[in-house]
Amino acid sequence: MSTPFRISKHAAGDGVARLMVSGDLGRGTCDVLTAVIGNALRETSVRELVVDLRHVGFLDAMGVRALLAGSETAAEHGAGWRVAGVRDMPRRVLEISGLIQQLNVSPADHPLDAAPVS
């Protein structure tokens, strides 16, 4: 049984917003992520957006597409972008697709990714 898809937004301070994503990120959920990313970046106080995938167990091509679109939207808004907490299958998908650098994916053991922001 998979984890229900959810996104929650947390202010990490200093203009950094973190989207905590859980569940499967793919065809049935990618439009929701794209919309939430757009809404978060329209907030004038957001200077960097971190999309945290630590609780995502599945990532398909449509989920990758949503992340790429989010990266482009962040650039259009002049905001920083980082994908954090990527492990297991989702990380392997991004490695195979050669998108680790383009999506600014943090190393799996990055200290800022060790614990979720509350």
Foldseek 3Di string as FASTA:
>chain_A
DWDDWDWDWDDPDQQEIEIETATEQDDVCLVVLLVVLLVSLVPPSHQEYEYEDLRYDYYDPSSVVSLLSSCVSSVVSNHHAEYENDDDPRVVVCVVVVCCVVSRYDPNVPPVRPDDDD
